[in-house]
N, C-alpha and C. Protein backbone atom coordinates (compact mmCIF):
# COMPACT_ATOMS: atom_id res chain seq x y z
N UNK A 1 -15.08 -23.08 -27.06
CA UNK A 1 -15.96 -22.13 -27.71
C UNK A 1 -15.39 -20.73 -27.51
N UNK A 2 -15.33 -19.99 -28.58
CA UNK A 2 -14.81 -18.63 -28.53
C UNK A 2 -15.95 -17.63 -28.64
N UNK A 3 -15.89 -16.60 -27.82
CA UNK A 3 -16.85 -15.52 -27.89
C UNK A 3 -16.21 -14.40 -28.68
N UNK A 4 -16.92 -13.78 -29.60
CA UNK A 4 -16.39 -12.70 -30.42
C UNK A 4 -16.93 -11.37 -29.96
N UNK A 5 -16.04 -10.43 -29.66
CA UNK A 5 -16.46 -9.06 -29.38
C UNK A 5 -16.75 -8.39 -30.71
N UNK A 6 -17.73 -7.54 -30.75
CA UNK A 6 -18.13 -6.95 -32.02
C UNK A 6 -17.30 -5.72 -32.40
N UNK A 7 -16.81 -4.97 -31.43
CA UNK A 7 -16.04 -3.77 -31.73
C UNK A 7 -14.58 -4.04 -31.43
N UNK A 8 -13.71 -3.81 -32.40
CA UNK A 8 -12.30 -4.05 -32.19
C UNK A 8 -11.49 -2.85 -32.68
N UNK A 9 -11.37 -1.81 -31.85
CA UNK A 9 -10.55 -0.68 -32.26
C UNK A 9 -9.08 -1.10 -32.34
N UNK A 10 -8.36 -0.61 -33.32
CA UNK A 10 -6.97 -0.98 -33.47
C UNK A 10 -6.07 -0.10 -32.62
N UNK A 11 -5.00 -0.71 -32.16
CA UNK A 11 -3.99 -0.02 -31.37
C UNK A 11 -2.82 0.30 -32.29
N UNK A 12 -2.50 1.59 -32.42
CA UNK A 12 -1.38 2.01 -33.25
C UNK A 12 -0.32 2.74 -32.45
N UNK A 13 -0.60 3.00 -31.16
CA UNK A 13 0.34 3.77 -30.36
C UNK A 13 0.19 3.41 -28.88
N UNK A 14 1.14 3.88 -28.11
CA UNK A 14 1.07 3.69 -26.67
C UNK A 14 -0.19 4.36 -26.12
N UNK A 15 -0.50 5.53 -26.64
CA UNK A 15 -1.70 6.25 -26.19
C UNK A 15 -2.97 5.45 -26.47
N UNK A 16 -3.04 4.81 -27.64
CA UNK A 16 -4.19 3.95 -27.96
C UNK A 16 -4.33 2.82 -26.95
N UNK A 17 -3.20 2.22 -26.59
CA UNK A 17 -3.23 1.12 -25.62
C UNK A 17 -3.66 1.63 -24.25
N UNK A 18 -3.17 2.79 -23.84
CA UNK A 18 -3.60 3.39 -22.57
C UNK A 18 -5.12 3.57 -22.56
N UNK A 19 -5.64 4.10 -23.64
CA UNK A 19 -7.09 4.34 -23.74
C UNK A 19 -7.88 3.05 -23.67
N UNK A 20 -7.38 1.99 -24.30
CA UNK A 20 -8.10 0.72 -24.30
C UNK A 20 -8.08 0.07 -22.91
N UNK A 21 -6.95 0.14 -22.22
CA UNK A 21 -6.88 -0.39 -20.86
C UNK A 21 -7.86 0.36 -19.98
N UNK A 22 -7.91 1.68 -20.14
CA UNK A 22 -8.84 2.49 -19.35
C UNK A 22 -10.29 2.14 -19.70
N UNK A 23 -10.59 2.01 -20.98
CA UNK A 23 -11.96 1.72 -21.43
C UNK A 23 -12.44 0.34 -20.97
N UNK A 24 -11.60 -0.69 -21.14
CA UNK A 24 -12.00 -2.05 -20.80
C UNK A 24 -11.86 -2.34 -19.30
N UNK A 25 -10.91 -1.69 -18.64
CA UNK A 25 -10.67 -1.95 -17.23
C UNK A 25 -9.65 -3.05 -17.01
N UNK A 26 -9.69 -4.08 -17.81
CA UNK A 26 -8.67 -5.12 -17.80
C UNK A 26 -8.59 -5.70 -19.20
N UNK A 27 -7.35 -6.06 -19.57
CA UNK A 27 -7.13 -6.50 -20.95
C UNK A 27 -5.95 -7.47 -21.00
N UNK A 28 -6.20 -8.72 -21.39
CA UNK A 28 -5.10 -9.67 -21.56
C UNK A 28 -4.15 -9.20 -22.66
N UNK A 29 -2.88 -9.56 -22.54
CA UNK A 29 -1.90 -9.15 -23.54
C UNK A 29 -2.01 -10.00 -24.80
N UNK A 30 -2.12 -11.31 -24.64
CA UNK A 30 -2.16 -12.21 -25.80
C UNK A 30 -3.57 -12.77 -25.99
N UNK A 31 -3.79 -13.34 -27.17
CA UNK A 31 -5.10 -13.92 -27.50
C UNK A 31 -5.54 -14.92 -26.45
N UNK A 32 -6.85 -15.05 -26.31
CA UNK A 32 -7.43 -15.95 -25.32
C UNK A 32 -8.75 -16.48 -25.85
N UNK A 33 -9.57 -17.04 -24.97
CA UNK A 33 -10.84 -17.65 -25.37
C UNK A 33 -11.84 -16.65 -25.91
N UNK A 34 -11.68 -15.38 -25.60
CA UNK A 34 -12.61 -14.37 -26.09
C UNK A 34 -11.93 -13.64 -27.24
N UNK A 35 -12.32 -13.98 -28.44
CA UNK A 35 -11.72 -13.39 -29.63
C UNK A 35 -11.98 -11.88 -29.64
N UNK A 36 -10.95 -11.11 -29.85
CA UNK A 36 -11.09 -9.66 -29.87
C UNK A 36 -10.85 -9.00 -28.52
N UNK A 37 -10.48 -9.80 -27.51
CA UNK A 37 -10.28 -9.26 -26.17
C UNK A 37 -8.85 -9.46 -25.71
N UNK A 38 -7.92 -8.83 -26.44
CA UNK A 38 -6.51 -8.86 -26.05
C UNK A 38 -5.78 -7.75 -26.79
N UNK A 39 -4.63 -7.41 -26.27
CA UNK A 39 -3.77 -6.44 -26.96
C UNK A 39 -3.40 -7.00 -28.33
N UNK A 40 -3.09 -8.28 -28.38
CA UNK A 40 -2.71 -8.90 -29.65
C UNK A 40 -3.82 -8.78 -30.69
N UNK A 41 -5.06 -9.01 -30.28
CA UNK A 41 -6.18 -8.92 -31.22
C UNK A 41 -6.39 -7.51 -31.75
N UNK A 42 -6.03 -6.52 -30.96
CA UNK A 42 -6.27 -5.13 -31.33
C UNK A 42 -5.10 -4.47 -32.06
N UNK A 43 -3.96 -5.16 -32.13
CA UNK A 43 -2.76 -4.55 -32.70
C UNK A 43 -2.45 -5.13 -34.07
N UNK A 44 -2.22 -4.28 -35.06
CA UNK A 44 -1.85 -4.79 -36.39
C UNK A 44 -0.56 -5.62 -36.32
N UNK A 45 -0.50 -6.71 -37.08
CA UNK A 45 0.70 -7.56 -37.06
C UNK A 45 1.99 -6.80 -37.37
N UNK A 46 1.92 -5.76 -38.16
CA UNK A 46 3.11 -5.00 -38.54
C UNK A 46 3.79 -4.32 -37.35
N UNK A 47 3.10 -4.20 -36.20
CA UNK A 47 3.69 -3.54 -35.03
C UNK A 47 4.31 -4.52 -34.04
N UNK A 48 4.25 -5.81 -34.33
CA UNK A 48 4.82 -6.81 -33.43
C UNK A 48 6.23 -7.15 -33.85
N UNK A 49 7.16 -7.03 -32.91
CA UNK A 49 8.54 -7.48 -33.08
C UNK A 49 9.23 -6.90 -34.32
N UNK A 50 9.12 -5.61 -34.50
CA UNK A 50 9.81 -4.96 -35.60
C UNK A 50 10.95 -4.12 -35.05
N UNK A 51 11.96 -3.93 -35.85
CA UNK A 51 13.10 -3.14 -35.42
C UNK A 51 12.90 -1.65 -35.68
N UNK A 52 12.08 -1.32 -36.67
CA UNK A 52 11.94 0.08 -37.05
C UNK A 52 10.75 0.80 -36.41
N UNK A 53 9.87 0.06 -35.74
CA UNK A 53 8.70 0.67 -35.09
C UNK A 53 8.55 0.11 -33.68
N UNK A 54 8.09 0.97 -32.78
CA UNK A 54 7.73 0.48 -31.45
C UNK A 54 6.37 -0.20 -31.53
N UNK A 55 6.18 -1.17 -30.65
CA UNK A 55 4.92 -1.88 -30.61
C UNK A 55 4.53 -2.21 -29.19
N UNK A 56 3.59 -3.12 -29.02
CA UNK A 56 3.08 -3.44 -27.69
C UNK A 56 4.13 -3.82 -26.66
N UNK A 57 5.17 -4.55 -27.06
CA UNK A 57 6.20 -4.94 -26.09
C UNK A 57 6.89 -3.71 -25.52
N UNK A 58 7.16 -2.73 -26.36
CA UNK A 58 7.83 -1.52 -25.91
C UNK A 58 6.90 -0.60 -25.13
N UNK A 59 5.62 -0.73 -25.33
CA UNK A 59 4.65 0.17 -24.68
C UNK A 59 4.26 -0.28 -23.28
N UNK A 60 4.58 -1.50 -22.89
CA UNK A 60 4.11 -2.01 -21.59
C UNK A 60 4.50 -1.09 -20.43
N UNK A 61 5.77 -0.77 -20.32
CA UNK A 61 6.23 0.09 -19.23
C UNK A 61 5.57 1.46 -19.23
N UNK A 62 5.59 2.15 -20.38
CA UNK A 62 4.93 3.46 -20.42
C UNK A 62 3.43 3.40 -20.10
N UNK A 63 2.75 2.34 -20.51
CA UNK A 63 1.32 2.21 -20.21
C UNK A 63 1.12 2.09 -18.70
N UNK A 64 1.95 1.29 -18.05
CA UNK A 64 1.85 1.14 -16.59
C UNK A 64 2.08 2.48 -15.91
N UNK A 65 3.10 3.21 -16.35
CA UNK A 65 3.41 4.51 -15.75
C UNK A 65 2.31 5.53 -15.98
N UNK A 66 1.78 5.58 -17.19
CA UNK A 66 0.77 6.60 -17.51
C UNK A 66 -0.60 6.31 -16.91
N UNK A 67 -0.97 5.04 -16.84
CA UNK A 67 -2.33 4.71 -16.39
C UNK A 67 -2.38 4.23 -14.94
N UNK A 68 -1.22 3.97 -14.34
CA UNK A 68 -1.14 3.42 -12.99
C UNK A 68 -1.85 2.07 -12.89
N UNK A 69 -1.85 1.33 -14.00
CA UNK A 69 -2.48 0.01 -14.00
C UNK A 69 -1.47 -1.02 -13.50
N UNK A 70 -1.96 -2.21 -13.26
CA UNK A 70 -1.10 -3.34 -12.90
C UNK A 70 -0.90 -4.19 -14.15
N UNK A 71 0.28 -4.80 -14.24
CA UNK A 71 0.58 -5.71 -15.33
C UNK A 71 1.16 -6.98 -14.72
N UNK A 72 0.60 -8.11 -15.06
CA UNK A 72 1.10 -9.37 -14.52
C UNK A 72 0.33 -10.53 -15.09
N UNK A 73 0.60 -11.71 -14.58
CA UNK A 73 -0.06 -12.93 -15.05
C UNK A 73 -1.37 -13.12 -14.30
N UNK A 74 -2.38 -12.41 -14.73
CA UNK A 74 -3.68 -12.42 -14.06
C UNK A 74 -4.73 -13.25 -14.80
N UNK A 75 -4.47 -13.62 -16.03
CA UNK A 75 -5.48 -14.25 -16.87
C UNK A 75 -5.07 -15.68 -17.20
N UNK A 76 -5.46 -16.61 -16.32
CA UNK A 76 -5.12 -18.02 -16.52
C UNK A 76 -3.62 -18.18 -16.75
N UNK A 77 -2.84 -17.55 -15.88
CA UNK A 77 -1.37 -17.55 -15.94
C UNK A 77 -0.81 -16.87 -17.19
N UNK A 78 -1.58 -16.00 -17.79
CA UNK A 78 -1.12 -15.23 -18.94
C UNK A 78 -1.17 -13.75 -18.56
N UNK A 79 -0.25 -13.00 -19.13
CA UNK A 79 -0.08 -11.59 -18.76
C UNK A 79 -1.18 -10.70 -19.31
N UNK A 80 -1.37 -9.59 -18.62
CA UNK A 80 -2.32 -8.59 -19.06
C UNK A 80 -2.33 -7.41 -18.12
N UNK A 81 -3.12 -6.41 -18.49
CA UNK A 81 -3.25 -5.18 -17.74
C UNK A 81 -4.55 -5.18 -16.94
N UNK A 82 -4.51 -4.59 -15.74
CA UNK A 82 -5.72 -4.34 -14.96
C UNK A 82 -5.63 -2.91 -14.46
N UNK A 83 -6.65 -2.11 -14.76
CA UNK A 83 -6.64 -0.71 -14.34
C UNK A 83 -6.73 -0.61 -12.83
N UNK A 84 -6.27 0.51 -12.31
CA UNK A 84 -6.34 0.74 -10.86
C UNK A 84 -7.79 0.69 -10.39
N UNK A 85 -8.71 1.18 -11.22
CA UNK A 85 -10.13 1.19 -10.84
C UNK A 85 -10.69 -0.23 -10.68
N UNK A 86 -10.16 -1.20 -11.42
CA UNK A 86 -10.66 -2.57 -11.37
C UNK A 86 -9.83 -3.49 -10.50
N UNK A 87 -8.62 -3.09 -10.14
CA UNK A 87 -7.70 -4.01 -9.49
C UNK A 87 -8.23 -4.56 -8.17
N UNK A 88 -8.80 -3.72 -7.35
CA UNK A 88 -9.28 -4.16 -6.04
C UNK A 88 -10.39 -5.21 -6.20
N UNK A 89 -11.34 -4.95 -7.09
CA UNK A 89 -12.42 -5.92 -7.32
C UNK A 89 -11.86 -7.22 -7.89
N UNK A 90 -10.92 -7.10 -8.80
CA UNK A 90 -10.31 -8.28 -9.41
C UNK A 90 -9.58 -9.10 -8.34
N UNK A 91 -8.84 -8.44 -7.48
CA UNK A 91 -8.12 -9.13 -6.41
C UNK A 91 -9.09 -9.79 -5.44
N UNK A 92 -10.15 -9.11 -5.09
CA UNK A 92 -11.14 -9.68 -4.18
C UNK A 92 -11.76 -10.95 -4.77
N UNK A 93 -12.07 -10.93 -6.03
CA UNK A 93 -12.67 -12.09 -6.69
C UNK A 93 -11.73 -13.29 -6.65
N UNK A 94 -10.44 -13.04 -6.84
CA UNK A 94 -9.46 -14.13 -6.92
C UNK A 94 -9.02 -14.65 -5.57
N UNK A 95 -9.43 -14.04 -4.50
CA UNK A 95 -8.97 -14.45 -3.16
C UNK A 95 -9.71 -15.65 -2.60
N UNK A 96 -10.75 -16.12 -3.23
CA UNK A 96 -11.50 -17.29 -2.75
C UNK A 96 -12.00 -17.12 -1.32
N UNK A 97 -12.53 -15.97 -0.99
CA UNK A 97 -13.09 -15.75 0.33
C UNK A 97 -12.12 -15.27 1.38
N UNK A 98 -10.83 -15.30 1.08
CA UNK A 98 -9.84 -14.79 2.03
C UNK A 98 -9.84 -13.27 1.99
N UNK A 99 -9.63 -12.65 3.13
CA UNK A 99 -9.36 -11.23 3.10
C UNK A 99 -7.84 -11.06 2.96
N UNK A 100 -7.42 -9.86 2.66
CA UNK A 100 -6.00 -9.60 2.39
C UNK A 100 -5.11 -10.02 3.55
N UNK A 101 -5.47 -9.64 4.75
CA UNK A 101 -4.62 -9.94 5.91
C UNK A 101 -4.51 -11.44 6.16
N UNK A 102 -5.60 -12.18 6.01
CA UNK A 102 -5.57 -13.63 6.23
C UNK A 102 -4.70 -14.30 5.16
N UNK A 103 -4.83 -13.89 3.93
CA UNK A 103 -3.98 -14.45 2.87
C UNK A 103 -2.51 -14.22 3.18
N UNK A 104 -2.20 -13.03 3.65
CA UNK A 104 -0.81 -12.70 3.99
C UNK A 104 -0.32 -13.55 5.16
N UNK A 105 -1.14 -13.64 6.20
CA UNK A 105 -0.77 -14.41 7.39
C UNK A 105 -0.60 -15.90 7.09
N UNK A 106 -1.38 -16.43 6.13
CA UNK A 106 -1.30 -17.84 5.77
C UNK A 106 -0.21 -18.11 4.72
N UNK A 107 0.55 -17.09 4.38
CA UNK A 107 1.64 -17.26 3.41
C UNK A 107 1.19 -17.36 1.97
N UNK A 108 -0.04 -16.94 1.67
CA UNK A 108 -0.56 -17.01 0.31
C UNK A 108 -0.36 -15.70 -0.47
N UNK A 109 0.24 -14.72 0.19
CA UNK A 109 0.44 -13.42 -0.45
C UNK A 109 1.82 -12.91 -0.06
N UNK A 110 2.61 -12.54 -1.06
CA UNK A 110 3.94 -11.99 -0.78
C UNK A 110 3.81 -10.58 -0.22
N UNK A 111 4.78 -10.16 0.54
CA UNK A 111 4.73 -8.81 1.12
C UNK A 111 4.74 -7.75 0.03
N UNK A 112 5.45 -7.98 -1.07
CA UNK A 112 5.46 -7.01 -2.17
C UNK A 112 4.08 -6.90 -2.81
N UNK A 113 3.36 -8.03 -2.91
CA UNK A 113 2.00 -7.99 -3.46
C UNK A 113 1.07 -7.21 -2.53
N UNK A 114 1.28 -7.39 -1.24
CA UNK A 114 0.45 -6.67 -0.27
C UNK A 114 0.67 -5.16 -0.38
N UNK A 115 1.92 -4.75 -0.55
CA UNK A 115 2.23 -3.32 -0.69
C UNK A 115 1.59 -2.74 -1.95
N UNK A 116 1.64 -3.50 -3.05
CA UNK A 116 1.01 -3.03 -4.30
C UNK A 116 -0.49 -2.87 -4.10
N UNK A 117 -1.11 -3.87 -3.50
CA UNK A 117 -2.55 -3.82 -3.25
C UNK A 117 -2.91 -2.60 -2.40
N UNK A 118 -2.16 -2.39 -1.32
CA UNK A 118 -2.45 -1.27 -0.42
C UNK A 118 -2.27 0.07 -1.13
N UNK A 119 -1.26 0.19 -1.98
CA UNK A 119 -1.04 1.44 -2.72
C UNK A 119 -2.18 1.68 -3.71
N UNK A 120 -2.60 0.62 -4.42
CA UNK A 120 -3.70 0.78 -5.37
C UNK A 120 -5.00 1.13 -4.65
N UNK A 121 -5.23 0.55 -3.50
CA UNK A 121 -6.42 0.89 -2.72
C UNK A 121 -6.38 2.35 -2.31
N UNK A 122 -5.22 2.81 -1.88
CA UNK A 122 -5.07 4.21 -1.49
C UNK A 122 -5.35 5.12 -2.69
N UNK A 123 -4.80 4.76 -3.86
CA UNK A 123 -5.01 5.57 -5.07
C UNK A 123 -6.48 5.56 -5.49
N UNK A 124 -7.13 4.40 -5.35
CA UNK A 124 -8.55 4.30 -5.73
C UNK A 124 -9.40 5.20 -4.83
N UNK A 125 -9.15 5.14 -3.54
CA UNK A 125 -9.88 5.99 -2.59
C UNK A 125 -9.59 7.45 -2.87
N UNK A 126 -8.33 7.77 -3.08
CA UNK A 126 -7.93 9.14 -3.36
C UNK A 126 -8.59 9.65 -4.64
N UNK A 127 -8.60 8.83 -5.69
CA UNK A 127 -9.22 9.24 -6.96
C UNK A 127 -10.71 9.52 -6.76
N UNK A 128 -11.37 8.65 -6.02
CA UNK A 128 -12.80 8.84 -5.76
C UNK A 128 -13.05 10.14 -4.99
N UNK A 129 -12.26 10.37 -3.95
CA UNK A 129 -12.47 11.55 -3.12
C UNK A 129 -12.09 12.84 -3.84
N UNK A 130 -11.06 12.81 -4.67
CA UNK A 130 -10.70 14.04 -5.40
C UNK A 130 -11.74 14.37 -6.47
N UNK A 131 -12.41 13.36 -7.01
CA UNK A 131 -13.51 13.63 -7.94
C UNK A 131 -14.69 14.25 -7.19
N UNK A 132 -14.92 13.77 -6.00
CA UNK A 132 -16.05 14.25 -5.21
C UNK A 132 -15.80 15.66 -4.66
N UNK A 133 -14.55 15.93 -4.26
CA UNK A 133 -14.18 17.24 -3.72
C UNK A 133 -12.99 17.78 -4.51
N UNK A 134 -13.23 18.29 -5.70
CA UNK A 134 -12.13 18.68 -6.60
C UNK A 134 -11.27 19.83 -6.08
N UNK A 135 -11.77 20.62 -5.17
CA UNK A 135 -10.96 21.74 -4.67
C UNK A 135 -9.98 21.31 -3.59
N UNK A 136 -10.15 20.12 -3.05
CA UNK A 136 -9.23 19.63 -2.02
C UNK A 136 -8.00 19.03 -2.69
N UNK A 137 -6.82 19.26 -2.10
CA UNK A 137 -5.60 18.67 -2.65
C UNK A 137 -5.49 17.22 -2.19
N UNK A 138 -4.67 16.47 -2.90
CA UNK A 138 -4.44 15.07 -2.52
C UNK A 138 -3.87 15.00 -1.11
N UNK A 139 -2.95 15.90 -0.78
CA UNK A 139 -2.35 15.91 0.55
C UNK A 139 -3.40 16.16 1.63
N UNK A 140 -4.33 17.07 1.37
CA UNK A 140 -5.39 17.35 2.35
C UNK A 140 -6.27 16.11 2.56
N UNK A 141 -6.62 15.45 1.50
CA UNK A 141 -7.47 14.27 1.61
C UNK A 141 -6.75 13.15 2.34
N UNK A 142 -5.48 12.91 1.97
CA UNK A 142 -4.72 11.84 2.64
C UNK A 142 -4.57 12.13 4.14
N UNK A 143 -4.40 13.39 4.49
CA UNK A 143 -4.25 13.75 5.90
C UNK A 143 -5.54 13.42 6.68
N UNK A 144 -6.66 13.58 6.02
CA UNK A 144 -7.96 13.34 6.67
C UNK A 144 -8.24 11.84 6.80
N UNK A 145 -7.95 11.06 5.77
CA UNK A 145 -8.37 9.66 5.78
C UNK A 145 -7.31 8.71 6.32
N UNK A 146 -6.08 9.14 6.45
CA UNK A 146 -5.03 8.20 6.95
C UNK A 146 -4.35 8.75 8.16
């Protein structure tokens, strides 16, 4: 059974894709069980695999750099984006009750994955605190909390 989203804004640029990842929080790259909930569903066919125009494949790297999101096989072994704001919650849900350190100690988490998680957590905390205290610099906040 497929669920249909009612609003499907089209993606015509890297900036559009950045905005959609930010708006949705997480977004699979290819079609899935939820119709209208993927980069593929939002992108006109003319932008896929063309030589004269950039499309979603070319935008992946820039989207990651601009939004600080994660990109990987998070959706039933299929690739997609997860915003920094959602990554920690998404990771917690997928851990099956394990905390980060226990998963690492039991060999269920690679050291590189642990470093990514810790960096995203630091960025999430930093983003929250800089919104709360906008006059404080990132360096000042990091000095206080770490």
